[in-house]
Amino acid sequence: MPRRRNKNAWTPNQIVAYRIHEARRMRGWTQEQAAAELEPYLGAKLSTASFSAIERSFAGGRIRQFNADEILALSRGFRLPIGWFFTPPPVFEKIDISTPDAKGGGWEPLLLIDAILGNPDTLPEWEEALRLWSVSPGRMRIYDDGRIEDLGREMEDVHDGIDTFVKARARVRLGELLGDVDQAKEVLAGLADLLGELDDVLTDADEPT
């Protein structure tokens, strides 16, 4: 579990509000346009005042509480994955995650990343649930002469999605530890060279003079 820190902390609902603001700006929509795009999925049109209140809620306004139906509607309306809306601000913003068990402090943003992308402790159960969801009943073909052919089972390959999440989380951890991939390669190459030099020194030291 990430360590607790006493810095500026937002609730998950504030993170969602922040991402709504970012999604609208990214799409180049006014608040009125965004409300119109979301209307079919929400079942009602947000007023400009309501939309403005949502976007203010991450920056000190009254915190808007979102439910699962609204999160799905946001994903469909903005055409972004649900994980987008729970992605913390960039690390330089120094925003922590406020939860009831933080007791007034905040958890490192990796808490949310783990919740979105999973980790070795949580992925096996999800992968099994996806496997069971994707299995369809066996298909049979009956011919005119009475022969029966088992056509096997159709199963969508949902494991590719799991692999994508695992790789995404690995990139996040890599960025935290070593920077981006290119920087990581340089660091690791430098370490390999240094270990080679140390090995040469130790080998020379072991040889009789």
N, C-alpha and C. Protein backbone atom coordinates (compact mmCIF):
# COMPACT_ATOMS: atom_id res chain seq x y z
N MET A 1 0.86 -1.20 0.00
CA MET A 1 0.00 0.00 0.00
C MET A 1 0.89 1.25 0.00
N PRO A 2 0.56 2.25 -0.81
CA PRO A 2 1.38 3.47 -0.84
C PRO A 2 1.44 4.14 0.52
N ARG A 3 2.52 4.83 0.78
CA ARG A 3 2.64 5.54 2.05
C ARG A 3 1.69 6.74 2.08
N ARG A 4 1.29 7.12 3.25
CA ARG A 4 0.42 8.27 3.42
C ARG A 4 1.25 9.53 3.44
N ARG A 5 0.77 10.57 2.74
CA ARG A 5 1.48 11.84 2.72
C ARG A 5 0.51 12.96 3.08
N ASN A 6 1.01 14.03 3.64
CA ASN A 6 0.16 15.15 4.05
C ASN A 6 0.35 16.31 3.10
N LYS A 7 -0.15 16.15 1.90
CA LYS A 7 -0.09 17.20 0.90
C LYS A 7 -1.50 17.47 0.39
N ASN A 8 -1.61 18.27 -0.65
CA ASN A 8 -2.91 18.56 -1.23
C ASN A 8 -3.53 17.28 -1.77
N ALA A 9 -4.69 16.90 -1.26
CA ALA A 9 -5.31 15.63 -1.61
C ALA A 9 -6.71 15.86 -2.16
N TRP A 10 -7.05 15.16 -3.25
CA TRP A 10 -8.38 15.22 -3.86
C TRP A 10 -9.06 13.86 -3.68
N THR A 11 -10.37 13.91 -3.57
CA THR A 11 -11.15 12.67 -3.56
C THR A 11 -11.24 12.14 -5.00
N PRO A 12 -11.56 10.84 -5.17
CA PRO A 12 -11.77 10.31 -6.52
C PRO A 12 -12.81 11.11 -7.31
N ASN A 13 -13.85 11.61 -6.65
CA ASN A 13 -14.84 12.42 -7.36
C ASN A 13 -14.24 13.71 -7.90
N GLN A 14 -13.31 14.29 -7.17
CA GLN A 14 -12.63 15.48 -7.68
C GLN A 14 -11.74 15.15 -8.88
N ILE A 15 -11.12 13.96 -8.85
CA ILE A 15 -10.33 13.52 -10.00
C ILE A 15 -11.22 13.39 -11.23
N VAL A 16 -12.40 12.82 -11.07
CA VAL A 16 -13.34 12.68 -12.19
C VAL A 16 -13.73 14.05 -12.72
N ALA A 17 -14.03 14.99 -11.83
CA ALA A 17 -14.41 16.34 -12.26
C ALA A 17 -13.28 17.01 -13.03
N TYR A 18 -12.06 16.83 -12.55
CA TYR A 18 -10.89 17.38 -13.23
C TYR A 18 -10.77 16.80 -14.63
N ARG A 19 -10.97 15.50 -14.76
CA ARG A 19 -10.84 14.85 -16.06
C ARG A 19 -11.98 15.23 -17.01
N ILE A 20 -13.15 15.52 -16.48
CA ILE A 20 -14.24 16.02 -17.32
C ILE A 20 -13.82 17.36 -17.93
N HIS A 21 -13.27 18.22 -17.09
CA HIS A 21 -12.79 19.52 -17.57
C HIS A 21 -11.74 19.33 -18.66
N GLU A 22 -10.78 18.43 -18.42
CA GLU A 22 -9.72 18.18 -19.39
C GLU A 22 -10.27 17.56 -20.68
N ALA A 23 -11.22 16.65 -20.55
CA ALA A 23 -11.81 16.01 -21.73
C ALA A 23 -12.54 17.02 -22.60
N ARG A 24 -13.28 17.92 -21.96
CA ARG A 24 -14.01 18.94 -22.73
C ARG A 24 -13.04 19.85 -23.48
N ARG A 25 -11.99 20.27 -22.80
CA ARG A 25 -10.99 21.12 -23.45
C ARG A 25 -10.29 20.37 -24.59
N MET A 26 -10.00 19.10 -24.37
CA MET A 26 -9.33 18.30 -25.37
C MET A 26 -10.19 18.16 -26.63
N ARG A 27 -11.49 18.02 -26.44
CA ARG A 27 -12.41 17.89 -27.57
C ARG A 27 -12.72 19.25 -28.22
N GLY A 28 -12.36 20.32 -27.54
CA GLY A 28 -12.62 21.65 -28.10
C GLY A 28 -14.08 22.06 -27.99
N TRP A 29 -14.80 21.52 -27.01
CA TRP A 29 -16.22 21.81 -26.85
C TRP A 29 -16.44 22.90 -25.80
N THR A 30 -17.48 23.69 -26.01
CA THR A 30 -17.95 24.56 -24.94
C THR A 30 -18.71 23.69 -23.95
N GLN A 31 -19.05 24.26 -22.81
CA GLN A 31 -19.84 23.51 -21.84
C GLN A 31 -21.20 23.14 -22.42
N GLU A 32 -21.77 24.03 -23.21
CA GLU A 32 -23.06 23.75 -23.84
C GLU A 32 -22.94 22.59 -24.83
N GLN A 33 -21.87 22.59 -25.62
CA GLN A 33 -21.66 21.51 -26.57
C GLN A 33 -21.42 20.19 -25.86
N ALA A 34 -20.64 20.22 -24.80
CA ALA A 34 -20.37 18.99 -24.05
C ALA A 34 -21.65 18.43 -23.45
N ALA A 35 -22.50 19.31 -22.93
CA ALA A 35 -23.78 18.87 -22.37
C ALA A 35 -24.65 18.22 -23.43
N ALA A 36 -24.62 18.77 -24.65
CA ALA A 36 -25.41 18.19 -25.74
C ALA A 36 -24.86 16.82 -26.15
N GLU A 37 -23.54 16.68 -26.16
CA GLU A 37 -22.94 15.39 -26.52
C GLU A 37 -23.25 14.31 -25.49
N LEU A 38 -23.32 14.71 -24.23
CA LEU A 38 -23.57 13.75 -23.15
C LEU A 38 -25.04 13.41 -22.97
N GLU A 39 -25.92 14.27 -23.44
CA GLU A 39 -27.35 14.12 -23.18
C GLU A 39 -27.90 12.73 -23.54
N PRO A 40 -27.59 12.16 -24.74
CA PRO A 40 -28.17 10.85 -25.06
C PRO A 40 -27.77 9.75 -24.08
N TYR A 41 -26.60 9.90 -23.49
CA TYR A 41 -26.08 8.84 -22.61
C TYR A 41 -26.48 9.05 -21.15
N LEU A 42 -26.63 10.32 -20.76
CA LEU A 42 -27.08 10.62 -19.40
C LEU A 42 -28.59 10.51 -19.26
N GLY A 43 -29.30 10.69 -20.38
CA GLY A 43 -30.76 10.66 -20.34
C GLY A 43 -31.37 12.01 -20.05
N ALA A 44 -30.55 13.00 -19.81
CA ALA A 44 -31.02 14.37 -19.57
C ALA A 44 -29.86 15.30 -19.90
N LYS A 45 -30.20 16.55 -20.21
CA LYS A 45 -29.15 17.51 -20.56
C LYS A 45 -28.76 18.33 -19.35
N LEU A 46 -27.45 18.37 -19.09
CA LEU A 46 -26.96 19.20 -18.00
C LEU A 46 -27.08 20.67 -18.39
N SER A 47 -27.51 21.48 -17.47
CA SER A 47 -27.53 22.92 -17.70
C SER A 47 -26.09 23.45 -17.68
N THR A 48 -25.91 24.61 -18.26
CA THR A 48 -24.57 25.21 -18.24
C THR A 48 -24.11 25.44 -16.81
N ALA A 49 -25.04 25.83 -15.93
CA ALA A 49 -24.68 26.06 -14.53
C ALA A 49 -24.24 24.76 -13.87
N SER A 50 -24.94 23.66 -14.18
CA SER A 50 -24.58 22.36 -13.59
C SER A 50 -23.22 21.89 -14.10
N PHE A 51 -22.99 22.09 -15.40
CA PHE A 51 -21.71 21.67 -15.96
C PHE A 51 -20.58 22.49 -15.36
N SER A 52 -20.82 23.77 -15.21
CA SER A 52 -19.81 24.65 -14.62
C SER A 52 -19.51 24.24 -13.18
N ALA A 53 -20.55 23.85 -12.44
CA ALA A 53 -20.37 23.43 -11.05
C ALA A 53 -19.53 22.16 -10.97
N ILE A 54 -19.74 21.24 -11.93
CA ILE A 54 -18.93 20.02 -11.97
C ILE A 54 -17.46 20.37 -12.14
N GLU A 55 -17.18 21.25 -13.10
CA GLU A 55 -15.79 21.58 -13.39
C GLU A 55 -15.15 22.38 -12.25
N ARG A 56 -15.95 23.10 -11.50
CA ARG A 56 -15.39 23.86 -10.36
C ARG A 56 -15.13 22.97 -9.15
N SER A 57 -15.76 21.81 -9.12
CA SER A 57 -15.73 21.00 -7.90
C SER A 57 -14.35 20.43 -7.59
N PHE A 58 -13.46 20.35 -8.59
CA PHE A 58 -12.13 19.84 -8.28
C PHE A 58 -11.22 20.95 -7.76
N ALA A 59 -11.64 22.18 -7.91
CA ALA A 59 -10.78 23.30 -7.52
C ALA A 59 -11.35 24.08 -6.35
N GLY A 60 -12.08 23.41 -5.49
CA GLY A 60 -12.54 24.06 -4.28
C GLY A 60 -14.03 24.28 -4.18
N GLY A 61 -14.77 23.99 -5.26
CA GLY A 61 -16.22 24.11 -5.19
C GLY A 61 -16.83 22.92 -4.47
N ARG A 62 -18.15 22.88 -4.41
CA ARG A 62 -18.83 21.74 -3.79
C ARG A 62 -18.53 20.49 -4.61
N ILE A 63 -18.08 19.43 -3.94
CA ILE A 63 -17.65 18.22 -4.64
C ILE A 63 -18.86 17.47 -5.19
N ARG A 64 -18.86 17.26 -6.49
CA ARG A 64 -19.94 16.52 -7.16
C ARG A 64 -19.71 15.03 -6.97
N GLN A 65 -20.76 14.30 -6.59
CA GLN A 65 -20.69 12.86 -6.40
C GLN A 65 -21.18 12.17 -7.69
N PHE A 66 -20.34 11.35 -8.30
CA PHE A 66 -20.69 10.66 -9.53
C PHE A 66 -21.04 9.20 -9.23
N ASN A 67 -22.02 8.67 -9.98
CA ASN A 67 -22.35 7.26 -9.82
C ASN A 67 -21.88 6.47 -11.04
N ALA A 68 -22.01 5.16 -10.98
CA ALA A 68 -21.50 4.29 -12.04
C ALA A 68 -22.18 4.57 -13.38
N ASP A 69 -23.49 4.85 -13.36
CA ASP A 69 -24.21 5.14 -14.60
C ASP A 69 -23.63 6.39 -15.27
N GLU A 70 -23.32 7.40 -14.46
CA GLU A 70 -22.77 8.64 -15.02
C GLU A 70 -21.36 8.44 -15.56
N ILE A 71 -20.56 7.62 -14.87
CA ILE A 71 -19.20 7.37 -15.36
C ILE A 71 -19.24 6.70 -16.73
N LEU A 72 -20.14 5.72 -16.90
CA LEU A 72 -20.28 5.06 -18.19
C LEU A 72 -20.75 6.05 -19.25
N ALA A 73 -21.69 6.92 -18.89
CA ALA A 73 -22.18 7.93 -19.83
C ALA A 73 -21.06 8.89 -20.24
N LEU A 74 -20.23 9.28 -19.29
CA LEU A 74 -19.09 10.16 -19.60
C LEU A 74 -18.13 9.47 -20.57
N SER A 75 -17.87 8.19 -20.33
CA SER A 75 -16.98 7.44 -21.20
C SER A 75 -17.52 7.39 -22.63
N ARG A 76 -18.80 7.15 -22.77
CA ARG A 76 -19.40 7.05 -24.11
C ARG A 76 -19.51 8.42 -24.77
N GLY A 77 -19.89 9.42 -23.99
CA GLY A 77 -20.08 10.75 -24.57
C GLY A 77 -18.78 11.41 -25.01
N PHE A 78 -17.74 11.27 -24.22
CA PHE A 78 -16.44 11.86 -24.56
C PHE A 78 -15.59 10.91 -25.41
N ARG A 79 -16.07 9.66 -25.56
CA ARG A 79 -15.34 8.63 -26.32
C ARG A 79 -13.94 8.43 -25.76
N LEU A 80 -13.93 8.17 -24.46
CA LEU A 80 -12.69 7.92 -23.73
C LEU A 80 -12.93 6.75 -22.78
N PRO A 81 -11.91 5.94 -22.51
CA PRO A 81 -12.11 4.82 -21.58
C PRO A 81 -12.39 5.30 -20.17
N ILE A 82 -13.07 4.48 -19.42
CA ILE A 82 -13.43 4.84 -18.05
C ILE A 82 -12.18 5.18 -17.23
N GLY A 83 -11.10 4.47 -17.50
CA GLY A 83 -9.87 4.73 -16.75
C GLY A 83 -9.38 6.15 -16.88
N TRP A 84 -9.69 6.80 -18.01
CA TRP A 84 -9.29 8.21 -18.20
C TRP A 84 -9.80 9.07 -17.06
N PHE A 85 -11.04 8.84 -16.65
CA PHE A 85 -11.69 9.71 -15.67
C PHE A 85 -11.19 9.49 -14.25
N PHE A 86 -10.43 8.41 -14.04
CA PHE A 86 -9.84 8.17 -12.72
C PHE A 86 -8.32 8.35 -12.74
N THR A 87 -7.79 8.89 -13.82
CA THR A 87 -6.34 9.09 -13.91
C THR A 87 -5.96 10.38 -13.19
N PRO A 88 -5.07 10.31 -12.22
CA PRO A 88 -4.69 11.52 -11.48
C PRO A 88 -4.04 12.57 -12.37
N PRO A 89 -4.01 13.81 -11.94
CA PRO A 89 -3.29 14.86 -12.68
C PRO A 89 -1.82 14.50 -12.80
N PRO A 90 -1.08 15.14 -13.71
CA PRO A 90 0.36 14.88 -13.83
C PRO A 90 1.06 15.03 -12.49
N VAL A 91 2.14 14.27 -12.32
CA VAL A 91 2.80 14.21 -11.01
C VAL A 91 3.29 15.57 -10.54
N PHE A 92 3.62 16.48 -11.50
CA PHE A 92 4.13 17.77 -11.05
C PHE A 92 3.06 18.61 -10.37
N GLU A 93 1.79 18.21 -10.52
CA GLU A 93 0.71 18.91 -9.81
C GLU A 93 0.72 18.56 -8.32
N LYS A 94 1.37 17.46 -7.97
CA LYS A 94 1.52 17.03 -6.57
C LYS A 94 0.17 16.88 -5.87
N ILE A 95 -0.75 16.19 -6.57
CA ILE A 95 -2.06 15.91 -6.00
C ILE A 95 -2.08 14.50 -5.46
N ASP A 96 -2.43 14.34 -4.20
CA ASP A 96 -2.59 13.02 -3.60
C ASP A 96 -4.06 12.61 -3.64
N ILE A 97 -4.34 11.36 -3.23
CA ILE A 97 -5.70 10.83 -3.28
C ILE A 97 -6.26 10.74 -1.87
N SER A 98 -7.38 11.41 -1.67
CA SER A 98 -8.02 11.43 -0.36
C SER A 98 -9.08 10.33 -0.28
N THR A 99 -8.96 9.47 0.71
CA THR A 99 -9.94 8.42 0.97
C THR A 99 -10.23 8.39 2.47
N PRO A 100 -11.34 7.76 2.89
CA PRO A 100 -11.65 7.75 4.32
C PRO A 100 -10.53 7.19 5.19
N ASP A 101 -9.81 6.17 4.71
CA ASP A 101 -8.76 5.57 5.54
C ASP A 101 -7.47 6.38 5.54
N ALA A 102 -7.42 7.46 4.74
CA ALA A 102 -6.24 8.33 4.77
C ALA A 102 -6.24 9.22 6.01
N LYS A 103 -7.40 9.34 6.66
CA LYS A 103 -7.52 10.08 7.92
C LYS A 103 -6.96 11.50 7.83
N GLY A 104 -7.41 12.23 6.81
CA GLY A 104 -7.01 13.62 6.66
C GLY A 104 -5.78 13.83 5.82
N GLY A 105 -5.07 12.77 5.51
CA GLY A 105 -3.90 12.88 4.64
C GLY A 105 -4.27 12.51 3.22
N GLY A 106 -3.35 11.88 2.53
CA GLY A 106 -3.62 11.44 1.17
C GLY A 106 -2.67 10.33 0.76
N TRP A 107 -3.14 9.48 -0.14
CA TRP A 107 -2.31 8.39 -0.65
C TRP A 107 -1.64 8.82 -1.94
N GLU A 108 -0.52 8.17 -2.23
CA GLU A 108 0.16 8.44 -3.49
C GLU A 108 -0.78 8.12 -4.66
N PRO A 109 -0.68 8.86 -5.78
CA PRO A 109 -1.58 8.64 -6.93
C PRO A 109 -1.55 7.22 -7.48
N LEU A 110 -0.47 6.47 -7.20
CA LEU A 110 -0.39 5.10 -7.69
C LEU A 110 -1.54 4.26 -7.15
N LEU A 111 -2.15 4.68 -6.05
CA LEU A 111 -3.32 3.98 -5.53
C LEU A 111 -4.40 3.88 -6.59
N LEU A 112 -4.66 5.00 -7.29
CA LEU A 112 -5.68 5.00 -8.34
C LEU A 112 -5.22 4.23 -9.57
N ILE A 113 -3.94 4.35 -9.92
CA ILE A 113 -3.42 3.62 -11.07
C ILE A 113 -3.56 2.13 -10.85
N ASP A 114 -3.27 1.66 -9.64
CA ASP A 114 -3.46 0.24 -9.32
C ASP A 114 -4.93 -0.16 -9.44
N ALA A 115 -5.82 0.72 -9.00
CA ALA A 115 -7.24 0.42 -9.09
C ALA A 115 -7.71 0.34 -10.53
N ILE A 116 -7.13 1.16 -11.41
CA ILE A 116 -7.52 1.18 -12.82
C ILE A 116 -6.91 0.01 -13.58
N LEU A 117 -5.60 -0.17 -13.44
CA LEU A 117 -4.86 -1.12 -14.27
C LEU A 117 -4.66 -2.47 -13.60
N GLY A 118 -4.93 -2.55 -12.32
CA GLY A 118 -4.71 -3.80 -11.62
C GLY A 118 -3.25 -3.98 -11.23
N ASN A 119 -2.99 -5.02 -10.45
CA ASN A 119 -1.63 -5.38 -10.07
C ASN A 119 -1.60 -6.90 -9.90
N PRO A 120 -0.44 -7.47 -9.65
CA PRO A 120 -0.38 -8.94 -9.55
C PRO A 120 -1.34 -9.54 -8.54
N ASP A 121 -1.74 -8.76 -7.53
CA ASP A 121 -2.64 -9.29 -6.52
C ASP A 121 -4.10 -9.29 -6.97
N THR A 122 -4.45 -8.39 -7.90
CA THR A 122 -5.87 -8.24 -8.27
C THR A 122 -6.20 -8.73 -9.68
N LEU A 123 -5.21 -8.86 -10.55
CA LEU A 123 -5.50 -9.24 -11.93
C LEU A 123 -5.99 -10.67 -12.10
N PRO A 124 -5.48 -11.67 -11.36
CA PRO A 124 -5.93 -13.04 -11.61
C PRO A 124 -7.44 -13.23 -11.49
N GLU A 125 -8.06 -12.61 -10.49
CA GLU A 125 -9.51 -12.75 -10.32
C GLU A 125 -10.27 -12.11 -11.47
N TRP A 126 -9.76 -10.95 -11.92
CA TRP A 126 -10.43 -10.27 -13.03
C TRP A 126 -10.28 -11.08 -14.32
N GLU A 127 -9.09 -11.61 -14.53
CA GLU A 127 -8.85 -12.40 -15.74
C GLU A 127 -9.77 -13.62 -15.78
N GLU A 128 -9.96 -14.26 -14.62
CA GLU A 128 -10.87 -15.41 -14.56
C GLU A 128 -12.31 -14.98 -14.83
N ALA A 129 -12.72 -13.84 -14.27
CA ALA A 129 -14.07 -13.35 -14.51
C ALA A 129 -14.29 -13.06 -15.99
N LEU A 130 -13.29 -12.46 -16.65
CA LEU A 130 -13.38 -12.18 -18.08
C LEU A 130 -13.43 -13.47 -18.89
N ARG A 131 -12.65 -14.47 -18.45
CA ARG A 131 -12.66 -15.74 -19.16
C ARG A 131 -14.04 -16.38 -19.11
N LEU A 132 -14.65 -16.38 -17.92
CA LEU A 132 -15.98 -16.97 -17.78
C LEU A 132 -17.03 -16.17 -18.55
N TRP A 133 -16.87 -14.85 -18.56
CA TRP A 133 -17.82 -14.01 -19.30
C TRP A 133 -17.76 -14.29 -20.79
N SER A 134 -16.55 -14.56 -21.32
CA SER A 134 -16.37 -14.63 -22.76
C SER A 134 -16.64 -16.02 -23.35
N VAL A 135 -16.86 -17.02 -22.50
CA VAL A 135 -17.08 -18.37 -23.01
C VAL A 135 -18.53 -18.50 -23.47
N SER A 136 -18.71 -18.92 -24.73
CA SER A 136 -20.06 -19.12 -25.25
C SER A 136 -20.37 -20.62 -25.25
N PRO A 137 -21.65 -21.01 -25.25
CA PRO A 137 -22.01 -22.43 -25.28
C PRO A 137 -21.46 -23.10 -26.53
N GLY A 138 -21.27 -24.42 -26.47
CA GLY A 138 -20.81 -25.17 -27.63
C GLY A 138 -21.81 -25.05 -28.77
N ARG A 139 -21.31 -25.04 -29.99
CA ARG A 139 -22.17 -24.93 -31.17
C ARG A 139 -22.24 -26.28 -31.88
N MET A 140 -23.41 -26.65 -32.29
CA MET A 140 -23.62 -27.93 -32.95
C MET A 140 -24.26 -27.69 -34.32
N ARG A 141 -23.87 -28.51 -35.30
CA ARG A 141 -24.51 -28.47 -36.61
C ARG A 141 -25.12 -29.84 -36.88
N ILE A 142 -26.39 -29.85 -37.19
CA ILE A 142 -27.10 -31.10 -37.47
C ILE A 142 -27.36 -31.19 -38.97
N TYR A 143 -26.86 -32.24 -39.62
CA TYR A 143 -27.02 -32.41 -41.06
C TYR A 143 -28.29 -33.17 -41.37
N ASP A 144 -28.70 -33.13 -42.64
CA ASP A 144 -29.93 -33.79 -43.07
C ASP A 144 -29.89 -35.29 -42.81
N ASP A 145 -28.69 -35.89 -42.90
CA ASP A 145 -28.60 -37.34 -42.69
C ASP A 145 -28.51 -37.71 -41.22
N GLY A 146 -28.67 -36.73 -40.35
CA GLY A 146 -28.67 -37.01 -38.92
C GLY A 146 -27.33 -36.86 -38.23
N ARG A 147 -26.27 -36.63 -39.01
CA ARG A 147 -24.96 -36.45 -38.40
C ARG A 147 -24.91 -35.15 -37.59
N ILE A 148 -24.19 -35.19 -36.50
CA ILE A 148 -24.04 -34.01 -35.64
C ILE A 148 -22.56 -33.65 -35.58
N GLU A 149 -22.26 -32.40 -35.85
CA GLU A 149 -20.87 -31.93 -35.82
C GLU A 149 -20.72 -30.89 -34.71
N ASP A 150 -19.73 -31.13 -33.88
CA ASP A 150 -19.42 -30.18 -32.82
C ASP A 150 -18.49 -29.12 -33.40
N LEU A 151 -18.96 -27.88 -33.48
CA LEU A 151 -18.17 -26.79 -34.06
C LEU A 151 -17.29 -26.11 -33.03
N GLY A 152 -17.27 -26.63 -31.82
CA GLY A 152 -16.40 -26.05 -30.80
C GLY A 152 -17.02 -24.81 -30.18
N ARG A 153 -16.21 -24.10 -29.45
CA ARG A 153 -16.68 -22.92 -28.74
C ARG A 153 -16.06 -21.67 -29.32
N GLU A 154 -16.84 -20.63 -29.37
CA GLU A 154 -16.32 -19.33 -29.76
C GLU A 154 -15.98 -18.56 -28.49
N MET A 155 -14.83 -17.94 -28.48
CA MET A 155 -14.45 -17.15 -27.31
C MET A 155 -13.67 -15.94 -27.75
N GLU A 156 -14.18 -14.77 -27.41
CA GLU A 156 -13.43 -13.56 -27.70
C GLU A 156 -12.17 -13.55 -26.84
N ASP A 157 -11.07 -13.12 -27.44
CA ASP A 157 -9.82 -13.07 -26.70
C ASP A 157 -9.76 -11.78 -25.90
N VAL A 158 -10.19 -11.87 -24.65
CA VAL A 158 -10.19 -10.69 -23.78
C VAL A 158 -8.86 -10.54 -23.05
N HIS A 159 -7.99 -11.54 -23.20
CA HIS A 159 -6.72 -11.48 -22.48
C HIS A 159 -5.79 -10.42 -23.04
N ASP A 160 -5.98 -10.06 -24.31
CA ASP A 160 -5.17 -8.98 -24.88
C ASP A 160 -5.37 -7.70 -24.11
N GLY A 161 -6.61 -7.47 -23.67
CA GLY A 161 -6.89 -6.28 -22.88
C GLY A 161 -6.16 -6.30 -21.55
N ILE A 162 -6.13 -7.46 -20.91
CA ILE A 162 -5.39 -7.60 -19.65
C ILE A 162 -3.92 -7.32 -19.88
N ASP A 163 -3.36 -7.87 -20.97
CA ASP A 163 -1.95 -7.63 -21.27
C ASP A 163 -1.67 -6.14 -21.46
N THR A 164 -2.63 -5.45 -22.10
CA THR A 164 -2.46 -4.01 -22.30
C THR A 164 -2.39 -3.29 -20.96
N PHE A 165 -3.25 -3.69 -20.01
CA PHE A 165 -3.24 -3.07 -18.70
C PHE A 165 -1.91 -3.33 -17.97
N VAL A 166 -1.43 -4.58 -18.06
CA VAL A 166 -0.18 -4.92 -17.40
C VAL A 166 0.97 -4.09 -17.95
N LYS A 167 1.02 -3.95 -19.28
CA LYS A 167 2.09 -3.17 -19.91
C LYS A 167 1.97 -1.69 -19.53
N ALA A 168 0.73 -1.19 -19.48
CA ALA A 168 0.54 0.21 -19.12
C ALA A 168 1.01 0.47 -17.70
N ARG A 169 0.70 -0.45 -16.79
CA ARG A 169 1.14 -0.27 -15.41
C ARG A 169 2.66 -0.35 -15.32
N ALA A 170 3.26 -1.25 -16.11
CA ALA A 170 4.72 -1.37 -16.10
C ALA A 170 5.37 -0.06 -16.57
N ARG A 171 4.76 0.58 -17.56
CA ARG A 171 5.30 1.85 -18.05
C ARG A 171 5.19 2.93 -16.97
N VAL A 172 4.08 2.91 -16.23
CA VAL A 172 3.92 3.88 -15.14
C VAL A 172 5.01 3.69 -14.10
N ARG A 173 5.24 2.44 -13.69
CA ARG A 173 6.27 2.17 -12.69
C ARG A 173 7.65 2.52 -13.21
N LEU A 174 7.88 2.22 -14.50
CA LEU A 174 9.17 2.54 -15.11
C LEU A 174 9.40 4.05 -15.10
N GLY A 175 8.34 4.80 -15.42
CA GLY A 175 8.46 6.25 -15.41
C GLY A 175 8.78 6.79 -14.03
N GLU A 176 8.17 6.18 -12.99
CA GLU A 176 8.45 6.62 -11.63
C GLU A 176 9.90 6.36 -11.24
N LEU A 177 10.41 5.21 -11.66
CA LEU A 177 11.74 4.79 -11.23
C LEU A 177 12.87 5.38 -12.08
N LEU A 178 12.66 5.38 -13.41
CA LEU A 178 13.77 5.71 -14.30
C LEU A 178 13.46 6.74 -15.37
N GLY A 179 12.28 7.30 -15.37
CA GLY A 179 11.91 8.21 -16.45
C GLY A 179 11.23 7.44 -17.57
N ASP A 180 11.26 7.99 -18.79
CA ASP A 180 10.60 7.30 -19.91
C ASP A 180 11.44 6.12 -20.38
N VAL A 181 10.93 5.41 -21.40
CA VAL A 181 11.58 4.18 -21.84
C VAL A 181 13.00 4.44 -22.34
N ASP A 182 13.17 5.49 -23.15
CA ASP A 182 14.51 5.79 -23.68
C ASP A 182 15.49 6.11 -22.56
N GLN A 183 15.03 6.89 -21.57
CA GLN A 183 15.90 7.19 -20.43
C GLN A 183 16.24 5.92 -19.66
N ALA A 184 15.24 5.04 -19.52
CA ALA A 184 15.46 3.79 -18.81
C ALA A 184 16.51 2.95 -19.51
N LYS A 185 16.45 2.90 -20.86
CA LYS A 185 17.43 2.13 -21.62
C LYS A 185 18.84 2.68 -21.38
N GLU A 186 18.96 4.00 -21.37
CA GLU A 186 20.27 4.62 -21.14
C GLU A 186 20.79 4.29 -19.74
N VAL A 187 19.89 4.39 -18.76
CA VAL A 187 20.30 4.09 -17.38
C VAL A 187 20.74 2.65 -17.25
N LEU A 188 19.94 1.73 -17.80
CA LEU A 188 20.26 0.31 -17.69
C LEU A 188 21.53 -0.03 -18.46
N ALA A 189 21.72 0.59 -19.63
CA ALA A 189 22.95 0.35 -20.40
C ALA A 189 24.17 0.83 -19.61
N GLY A 190 24.02 2.00 -18.97
CA GLY A 190 25.11 2.52 -18.14
C GLY A 190 25.41 1.60 -16.97
N LEU A 191 24.36 1.06 -16.35
CA LEU A 191 24.57 0.14 -15.24
C LEU A 191 25.26 -1.14 -15.70
N ALA A 192 24.87 -1.63 -16.89
CA ALA A 192 25.49 -2.84 -17.44
C ALA A 192 26.98 -2.61 -17.68
N ASP A 193 27.32 -1.44 -18.24
CA ASP A 193 28.74 -1.13 -18.48
C ASP A 193 29.51 -1.04 -17.15
N LEU A 194 28.86 -0.39 -16.16
CA LEU A 194 29.52 -0.24 -14.86
C LEU A 194 29.74 -1.59 -14.20
N LEU A 195 28.74 -2.48 -14.27
CA LEU A 195 28.89 -3.82 -13.69
C LEU A 195 29.99 -4.60 -14.41
N GLY A 196 30.07 -4.40 -15.73
CA GLY A 196 31.14 -5.07 -16.48
C GLY A 196 32.51 -4.60 -16.04
N GLU A 197 32.64 -3.30 -15.83
CA GLU A 197 33.92 -2.76 -15.37
C GLU A 197 34.27 -3.28 -13.98
N LEU A 198 33.25 -3.32 -13.09
CA LEU A 198 33.50 -3.83 -11.74
C LEU A 198 33.90 -5.30 -11.79
N ASP A 199 33.27 -6.06 -12.66
CA ASP A 199 33.59 -7.48 -12.79
C ASP A 199 35.03 -7.65 -13.25
N ASP A 200 35.47 -6.80 -14.21
CA ASP A 200 36.84 -6.88 -14.69
C ASP A 200 37.83 -6.57 -13.56
N VAL A 201 37.49 -5.55 -12.76
CA VAL A 201 38.38 -5.17 -11.65
C VAL A 201 38.50 -6.30 -10.64
N LEU A 202 37.33 -6.91 -10.30
CA LEU A 202 37.34 -8.00 -9.33
C LEU A 202 38.09 -9.21 -9.87
N THR A 203 37.94 -9.49 -11.17
CA THR A 203 38.61 -10.63 -11.77
C THR A 203 40.13 -10.42 -11.73
N ASP A 204 40.55 -9.20 -12.08
CA ASP A 204 41.99 -8.89 -12.05
C ASP A 204 42.55 -9.01 -10.63
N ALA A 205 41.74 -8.62 -9.65
CA ALA A 205 42.21 -8.66 -8.27
C ALA A 205 42.41 -10.10 -7.79
N ASP A 206 41.63 -11.03 -8.35
CA ASP A 206 41.72 -12.43 -7.94
C ASP A 206 42.92 -13.15 -8.56
N GLU A 207 43.49 -12.59 -9.66
CA GLU A 207 44.60 -13.25 -10.34
C GLU A 207 45.90 -13.07 -9.53
N PRO A 208 46.75 -14.11 -9.51
CA PRO A 208 48.02 -13.97 -8.76
C PRO A 208 48.95 -12.97 -9.42
N THR A 209 49.67 -12.22 -8.63
CA THR A 209 50.62 -11.25 -9.17
C THR A 209 51.92 -11.95 -9.49
